[in-house]
Structures are given as C-alpha cells and as structure tokens.
Amino acid sequence: MKKILIVIDMQNDFIDAALGTPEAVKIIEDVKEKIRSYPMENVIATMDTHGENYMETQEGKYLPVPHCIKGSEGWKIRPDIAALLTGAKIYEKPTFGSTAMAADLKALSEEEKIELELIGLCTDICVVSNALLLKAMMPEVPISVDAACCAGVTPGKHLAALETMRSCQVQVING
C-alpha cells in the first residue's frame, strides 16, 4: 500500500505572520521530521491562495484579514519547509479544501491501494476540510491526521477539529 503525506498550508501567513499562532510555530520541527520520513514522490502539499480582491470574497467578509495573497511573502511556504518539498506536487487552492487534489487522489486510489496522512494548518479549517473531503470521496481509503504536526486557530478549536475528524472515521494519531 502506498502511503501519501499531505502537507496542508504550511505558509508564512499561518505560521508567524497575518494569522500565525505560537502553536503553529511550535509544530515546525515535527512537520519537517514527518516530511523527511516519506519518500518525496509520496508527498503532496497545498497552498491557500487568494487574489488581491480577497476582502470582497465571502471568506474575506467572514475572516477580514488579508492573507495568502498570491505572490506575497505570506503566501509562500515557510522556506525551511519549502526546501524539503522540492519535487512534491503542490496544489494551490482558493478555499479550504482542494477539490483538484481530492480528484487526483481518488483517481490514484482506483489504480492502487493508498493510505493518506494529513498534517499542517489550520486544524480547524483547512486540515479538517481536506480530511473530510477526502473521506467523503474515498470512504474506504485509510486517512489519518497527526495531531502533533497540526495547529488550530486556538488550542480549543484544534481539539474540537480532531474530535470532529475522529467522529468521521479519520484516525487521529499523537493527539
């Protein structure tokens, strides 16, 4: 079985810039160690990607903090993590979940047995969205989230998202 690591939105704005948190900073070394534990051909990453009109979007109205504007420093994957993702397939996504990534992984799952592990930011928004999207599209594919390599908007929301994923048959490890 091919085990694939999905690194969700390890971008500057979510770590130590516009929407950064101390918890996001704390997971960096664990995230790097996890990436190193996978063959690079089995690593995928996502990037939250917004345009200059972000504040005019529905998301911008609910979360009025410009972030991950394409081409900005905040949009870029943290350099030490980006260096480990050389050769990884990276999906830019305009919203919480990547439908393109899910479609590609579903197609792959029809060719061979796969298992998915998710890590990254933010547990309660993009990690949970992608985990549930993937589970809905591939209910028989084993999916896990490493809680030690994730951080939420707040510690409480992180824990709530982990519980939601458990309820939906996503295995939570280290949490």
C-alpha atoms as a PDB file:
ATOM      1  CA  MET A   1       0.000   0.000   0.000  1.00  0.00           C
ATOM      2  CA  LYS A   2       1.322   3.429  -0.944  1.00  0.00           C
ATOM      3  CA  LYS A   3       1.255   5.871   1.976  1.00  0.00           C
ATOM      4  CA  ILE A   4       0.955   9.525   0.943  1.00  0.00           C
ATOM      5  CA  LEU A   5       1.665  12.550   3.137  1.00  0.00           C
ATOM      6  CA  ILE A   6      -0.405  15.682   2.562  1.00  0.00           C
ATOM      7  CA  VAL A   7       1.153  18.869   3.970  1.00  0.00           C
ATOM      8  CA  ILE A   8      -1.602  21.449   4.360  1.00  0.00           C
ATOM      9  CA  ASP A   9      -0.865  25.194   4.073  1.00  0.00           C
ATOM     10  CA  MET A  10       2.488  25.488   5.865  1.00  0.00           C
ATOM     11  CA  GLN A  11       2.652  29.090   4.674  1.00  0.00           C
ATOM     12  CA  ASN A  12       4.192  32.099   6.372  1.00  0.00           C
ATOM     13  CA  ASP A  13       0.844  33.822   6.987  1.00  0.00           C
ATOM     14  CA  PHE A  14      -0.392  30.837   9.006  1.00  0.00           C
ATOM     15  CA  ILE A  15       2.834  30.347  10.952  1.00  0.00           C
ATOM     16  CA  ASP A  16       4.167  33.691  12.113  1.00  0.00           C
ATOM     17  CA  ALA A  17       2.553  36.401  10.001  1.00  0.00           C
ATOM     18  CA  ALA A  18      -1.063  37.606   9.410  1.00  0.00           C
ATOM     19  CA  LEU A  19      -2.819  34.609  11.016  1.00  0.00           C
ATOM     20  CA  GLY A  20       0.124  32.996  12.787  1.00  0.00           C
ATOM     21  CA  THR A  21      -0.029  31.468  16.249  1.00  0.00           C
ATOM     22  CA  PRO A  22       2.525  30.272  18.805  1.00  0.00           C
ATOM     23  CA  GLU A  23       1.123  26.753  18.330  1.00  0.00           C
ATOM     24  CA  ALA A  24       1.852  26.901  14.594  1.00  0.00           C
ATOM     25  CA  VAL A  25       5.448  27.909  15.286  1.00  0.00           C
ATOM     26  CA  LYS A  26       5.804  25.001  17.748  1.00  0.00           C
ATOM     27  CA  ILE A  27       4.959  22.294  15.188  1.00  0.00           C
ATOM     28  CA  ILE A  28       7.578  23.304  12.604  1.00  0.00           C
ATOM     29  CA  GLU A  29      10.272  20.822  13.638  1.00  0.00           C
ATOM     30  CA  ASP A  30       7.750  17.959  13.892  1.00  0.00           C
ATOM     31  CA  VAL A  31       6.407  18.833  10.430  1.00  0.00           C
ATOM     32  CA  LYS A  32       9.923  18.805   8.964  1.00  0.00           C
ATOM     33  CA  GLU A  33      10.680  15.459  10.609  1.00  0.00           C
ATOM     34  CA  LYS A  34       7.445  13.989   9.251  1.00  0.00           C
ATOM     35  CA  ILE A  35       8.181  15.208   5.702  1.00  0.00           C
ATOM     36  CA  ARG A  36      11.671  13.672   5.887  1.00  0.00           C
ATOM     37  CA  SER A  37      10.120  10.317   6.873  1.00  0.00           C
ATOM     38  CA  TYR A  38       8.359   9.979   3.481  1.00  0.00           C
ATOM     39  CA  PRO A  39       9.825   9.414   0.028  1.00  0.00           C
ATOM     40  CA  MET A  40       9.420  12.748  -1.801  1.00  0.00           C
ATOM     41  CA  GLU A  41       7.361  11.134  -4.569  1.00  0.00           C
ATOM     42  CA  ASN A  42       4.759  10.346  -1.864  1.00  0.00           C
ATOM     43  CA  VAL A  43       4.457  13.925  -0.567  1.00  0.00           C
ATOM     44  CA  ILE A  44       1.797  16.414  -1.645  1.00  0.00           C
ATOM     45  CA  ALA A  45       1.325  19.962  -0.360  1.00  0.00           C
ATOM     46  CA  THR A  46      -1.398  22.574  -0.551  1.00  0.00           C
ATOM     47  CA  MET A  47      -1.219  26.348  -0.554  1.00  0.00           C
ATOM     48  CA  ASP A  48      -4.065  28.634   0.445  1.00  0.00           C
ATOM     49  CA  THR A  49      -4.143  31.071  -2.467  1.00  0.00           C
ATOM     50  CA  HIS A  50      -6.134  34.298  -2.656  1.00  0.00           C
ATOM     51  CA  GLY A  51      -6.195  37.253  -5.031  1.00  0.00           C
ATOM     52  CA  GLU A  52      -5.991  40.962  -4.361  1.00  0.00           C
ATOM     53  CA  ASN A  53      -9.805  41.014  -4.158  1.00  0.00           C
ATOM     54  CA  TYR A  54      -9.813  38.743  -1.073  1.00  0.00           C
ATOM     55  CA  MET A  55     -11.714  41.239   1.088  1.00  0.00           C
ATOM     56  CA  GLU A  56     -14.558  41.217  -1.479  1.00  0.00           C
ATOM     57  CA  THR A  57     -14.995  37.433  -1.294  1.00  0.00           C
ATOM     58  CA  GLN A  58     -17.359  35.604   1.033  1.00  0.00           C
ATOM     59  CA  GLU A  59     -14.371  34.306   3.013  1.00  0.00           C
ATOM     60  CA  GLY A  60     -12.968  37.830   3.249  1.00  0.00           C
ATOM     61  CA  LYS A  61     -16.237  39.068   4.713  1.00  0.00           C
ATOM     62  CA  TYR A  62     -16.206  36.335   7.396  1.00  0.00           C
ATOM     63  CA  LEU A  63     -12.446  36.459   8.009  1.00  0.00           C
ATOM     64  CA  PRO A  64     -11.474  40.069   7.271  1.00  0.00           C
ATOM     65  CA  VAL A  65      -7.715  39.506   7.486  1.00  0.00           C
ATOM     66  CA  PRO A  66      -5.940  39.588   4.120  1.00  0.00           C
ATOM     67  CA  HIS A  67      -3.702  36.520   3.950  1.00  0.00           C
ATOM     68  CA  CYS A  68      -2.011  34.235   1.451  1.00  0.00           C
ATOM     69  CA  ILE A  69      -2.316  36.766  -1.366  1.00  0.00           C
ATOM     70  CA  LYS A  70      -0.625  35.075  -4.329  1.00  0.00           C
ATOM     71  CA  GLY A  71       2.949  36.254  -4.752  1.00  0.00           C
ATOM     72  CA  SER A  72       3.232  37.840  -1.287  1.00  0.00           C
ATOM     73  CA  GLU A  73       5.714  36.717   1.383  1.00  0.00           C
ATOM     74  CA  GLY A  74       2.826  35.469   3.500  1.00  0.00           C
ATOM     75  CA  TRP A  75       1.616  33.241   0.645  1.00  0.00           C
ATOM     76  CA  LYS A  76       4.932  31.411   0.359  1.00  0.00           C
ATOM     77  CA  ILE A  77       5.584  28.131   2.110  1.00  0.00           C
ATOM     78  CA  ARG A  78       7.975  28.671   5.025  1.00  0.00           C
ATOM     79  CA  PRO A  79      11.474  28.430   3.448  1.00  0.00           C
ATOM     80  CA  ASP A  80      12.856  25.563   5.565  1.00  0.00           C
ATOM     81  CA  ILE A  81       9.732  23.525   4.832  1.00  0.00           C
ATOM     82  CA  ALA A  82       9.682  24.522   1.140  1.00  0.00           C
ATOM     83  CA  ALA A  83      13.261  23.237   0.843  1.00  0.00           C
ATOM     84  CA  LEU A  84      12.012  19.796   1.917  1.00  0.00           C
ATOM     85  CA  LEU A  85       9.141  19.858  -0.595  1.00  0.00           C
ATOM     86  CA  THR A  86      11.354  20.070  -3.685  1.00  0.00           C
ATOM     87  CA  GLY A  87       9.709  17.832  -6.237  1.00  0.00           C
ATOM     88  CA  ALA A  88       6.441  17.471  -4.304  1.00  0.00           C
ATOM     89  CA  LYS A  89       3.166  18.076  -6.131  1.00  0.00           C
ATOM     90  CA  ILE A  90       1.740  21.364  -4.807  1.00  0.00           C
ATOM     91  CA  TYR A  91      -1.913  22.335  -5.175  1.00  0.00           C
ATOM     92  CA  GLU A  92      -2.931  25.967  -4.936  1.00  0.00           C
ATOM     93  CA  LYS A  93      -6.459  26.207  -3.564  1.00  0.00           C
ATOM     94  CA  PRO A  94      -8.770  29.221  -3.411  1.00  0.00           C
ATOM     95  CA  THR A  95     -10.745  27.806  -0.497  1.00  0.00           C
ATOM     96  CA  PHE A  96     -10.423  25.478   2.476  1.00  0.00           C
ATOM     97  CA  GLY A  97     -10.378  22.132   0.654  1.00  0.00           C
ATOM     98  CA  SER A  98      -8.625  21.198  -2.570  1.00  0.00           C
ATOM     99  CA  THR A  99     -11.107  19.540  -4.905  1.00  0.00           C
ATOM    100  CA  ALA A 100      -8.366  19.096  -7.529  1.00  0.00           C
ATOM    101  CA  MET A 101      -6.151  17.218  -5.071  1.00  0.00           C
ATOM    102  CA  ALA A 102      -9.093  15.076  -3.948  1.00  0.00           C
ATOM    103  CA  ALA A 103      -9.983  14.200  -7.544  1.00  0.00           C
ATOM    104  CA  ASP A 104      -6.370  13.251  -8.341  1.00  0.00           C
ATOM    105  CA  LEU A 105      -6.089  11.095  -5.214  1.00  0.00           C
ATOM    106  CA  LYS A 106      -9.431   9.410  -5.943  1.00  0.00           C
ATOM    107  CA  ALA A 107      -8.173   8.527  -9.425  1.00  0.00           C
ATOM    108  CA  LEU A 108      -4.962   7.152  -7.926  1.00  0.00           C
ATOM    109  CA  SER A 109      -6.953   5.108  -5.388  1.00  0.00           C
ATOM    110  CA  GLU A 110      -8.758   3.439  -8.282  1.00  0.00           C
ATOM    111  CA  GLU A 111      -5.394   2.305  -9.706  1.00  0.00           C
ATOM    112  CA  GLU A 112      -3.671   1.193  -6.498  1.00  0.00           C
ATOM    113  CA  LYS A 113      -4.238   0.916  -2.758  1.00  0.00           C
ATOM    114  CA  ILE A 114      -3.312   4.108  -0.949  1.00  0.00           C
ATOM    115  CA  GLU A 115      -3.326   5.442   2.579  1.00  0.00           C
ATOM    116  CA  LEU A 116      -3.326   9.177   3.369  1.00  0.00           C
ATOM    117  CA  GLU A 117      -1.821  11.112   6.269  1.00  0.00           C
ATOM    118  CA  LEU A 118      -2.509  14.837   6.739  1.00  0.00           C
ATOM    119  CA  ILE A 119      -0.509  17.406   8.677  1.00  0.00           C
ATOM    120  CA  GLY A 120      -0.433  21.204   8.708  1.00  0.00           C
ATOM    121  CA  LEU A 121      -2.506  24.302   9.310  1.00  0.00           C
ATOM    122  CA  CYS A 122      -5.049  25.150  10.466  1.00  0.00           C
ATOM    123  CA  THR A 123      -6.506  22.017  12.062  1.00  0.00           C
ATOM    124  CA  ASP A 124      -9.974  23.535  12.437  1.00  0.00           C
ATOM    125  CA  ILE A 125     -10.242  24.993   8.948  1.00  0.00           C
ATOM    126  CA  CYS A 126      -8.151  23.584   6.103  1.00  0.00           C
ATOM    127  CA  VAL A 127      -6.924  20.330   7.664  1.00  0.00           C
ATOM    128  CA  VAL A 128     -10.414  19.203   8.703  1.00  0.00           C
ATOM    129  CA  SER A 129     -11.901  20.404   5.384  1.00  0.00           C
ATOM    130  CA  ASN A 130      -9.433  18.368   3.343  1.00  0.00           C
ATOM    131  CA  ALA A 131      -9.696  15.311   5.603  1.00  0.00           C
ATOM    132  CA  LEU A 132     -13.499  15.255   5.339  1.00  0.00           C
ATOM    133  CA  LEU A 133     -13.464  15.970   1.595  1.00  0.00           C
ATOM    134  CA  LEU A 134     -11.053  13.084   1.038  1.00  0.00           C
ATOM    135  CA  LYS A 135     -13.055  10.763   3.323  1.00  0.00           C
ATOM    136  CA  ALA A 136     -16.298  11.632   1.507  1.00  0.00           C
ATOM    137  CA  MET A 137     -14.737  10.860  -1.871  1.00  0.00           C
ATOM    138  CA  MET A 138     -12.861   7.740  -0.739  1.00  0.00           C
ATOM    139  CA  PRO A 139     -14.649   6.207   2.268  1.00  0.00           C
ATOM    140  CA  GLU A 140     -12.584   3.001   2.173  1.00  0.00           C
ATOM    141  CA  VAL A 141      -9.163   4.690   1.958  1.00  0.00           C
ATOM    142  CA  PRO A 142      -7.479   4.838   5.375  1.00  0.00           C
ATOM    143  CA  ILE A 143      -6.979   8.503   6.337  1.00  0.00           C
ATOM    144  CA  SER A 144      -5.115   9.781   9.377  1.00  0.00           C
ATOM    145  CA  VAL A 145      -4.106  13.117  10.847  1.00  0.00           C
ATOM    146  CA  ASP A 146      -1.021  13.549  13.026  1.00  0.00           C
ATOM    147  CA  ALA A 147      -2.174  15.940  15.763  1.00  0.00           C
ATOM    148  CA  ALA A 148       1.437  16.666  16.765  1.00  0.00           C
ATOM    149  CA  CYS A 149       2.015  18.127  13.295  1.00  0.00           C
ATOM    150  CA  CYS A 150      -1.103  20.312  13.245  1.00  0.00           C
ATOM    151  CA  ALA A 151      -2.183  23.526  14.963  1.00  0.00           C
ATOM    152  CA  GLY A 152      -5.513  25.269  15.040  1.00  0.00           C
ATOM    153  CA  VAL A 153      -6.593  28.878  15.238  1.00  0.00           C
ATOM    154  CA  THR A 154      -6.787  28.272  19.000  1.00  0.00           C
ATOM    155  CA  PRO A 155      -5.850  25.211  21.088  1.00  0.00           C
ATOM    156  CA  GLY A 156      -9.547  24.592  21.799  1.00  0.00           C
ATOM    157  CA  LYS A 157     -10.520  24.704  18.123  1.00  0.00           C
ATOM    158  CA  HIS A 158      -7.627  22.342  17.331  1.00  0.00           C
ATOM    159  CA  LEU A 159      -9.023  19.792  19.805  1.00  0.00           C
ATOM    160  CA  ALA A 160     -12.588  20.250  18.527  1.00  0.00           C
ATOM    161  CA  ALA A 161     -11.468  19.625  14.934  1.00  0.00           C
ATOM    162  CA  LEU A 162      -9.603  16.482  15.970  1.00  0.00           C
ATOM    163  CA  GLU A 163     -12.775  15.217  17.642  1.00  0.00           C
ATOM    164  CA  THR A 164     -14.821  16.006  14.525  1.00  0.00           C
ATOM    165  CA  MET A 165     -12.375  14.046  12.383  1.00  0.00           C
ATOM    166  CA  ARG A 166     -12.472  11.089  14.787  1.00  0.00           C
ATOM    167  CA  SER A 167     -16.278  11.127  14.525  1.00  0.00           C
ATOM    168  CA  CYS A 168     -15.947  10.852  10.743  1.00  0.00           C
ATOM    169  CA  GLN A 169     -13.586   7.868  10.875  1.00  0.00           C
ATOM    170  CA  VAL A 170     -10.365   9.778  10.288  1.00  0.00           C
ATOM    171  CA  GLN A 171      -7.744   8.261  12.575  1.00  0.00           C
ATOM    172  CA  VAL A 172      -6.058  10.817  14.825  1.00  0.00           C
ATOM    173  CA  ILE A 173      -2.558   9.919  15.960  1.00  0.00           C
ATOM    174  CA  ASN A 174      -0.457  11.671  18.607  1.00  0.00           C
ATOM    175  CA  GLY A 175      -3.467  13.515  19.934  1.00  0.00           C
END
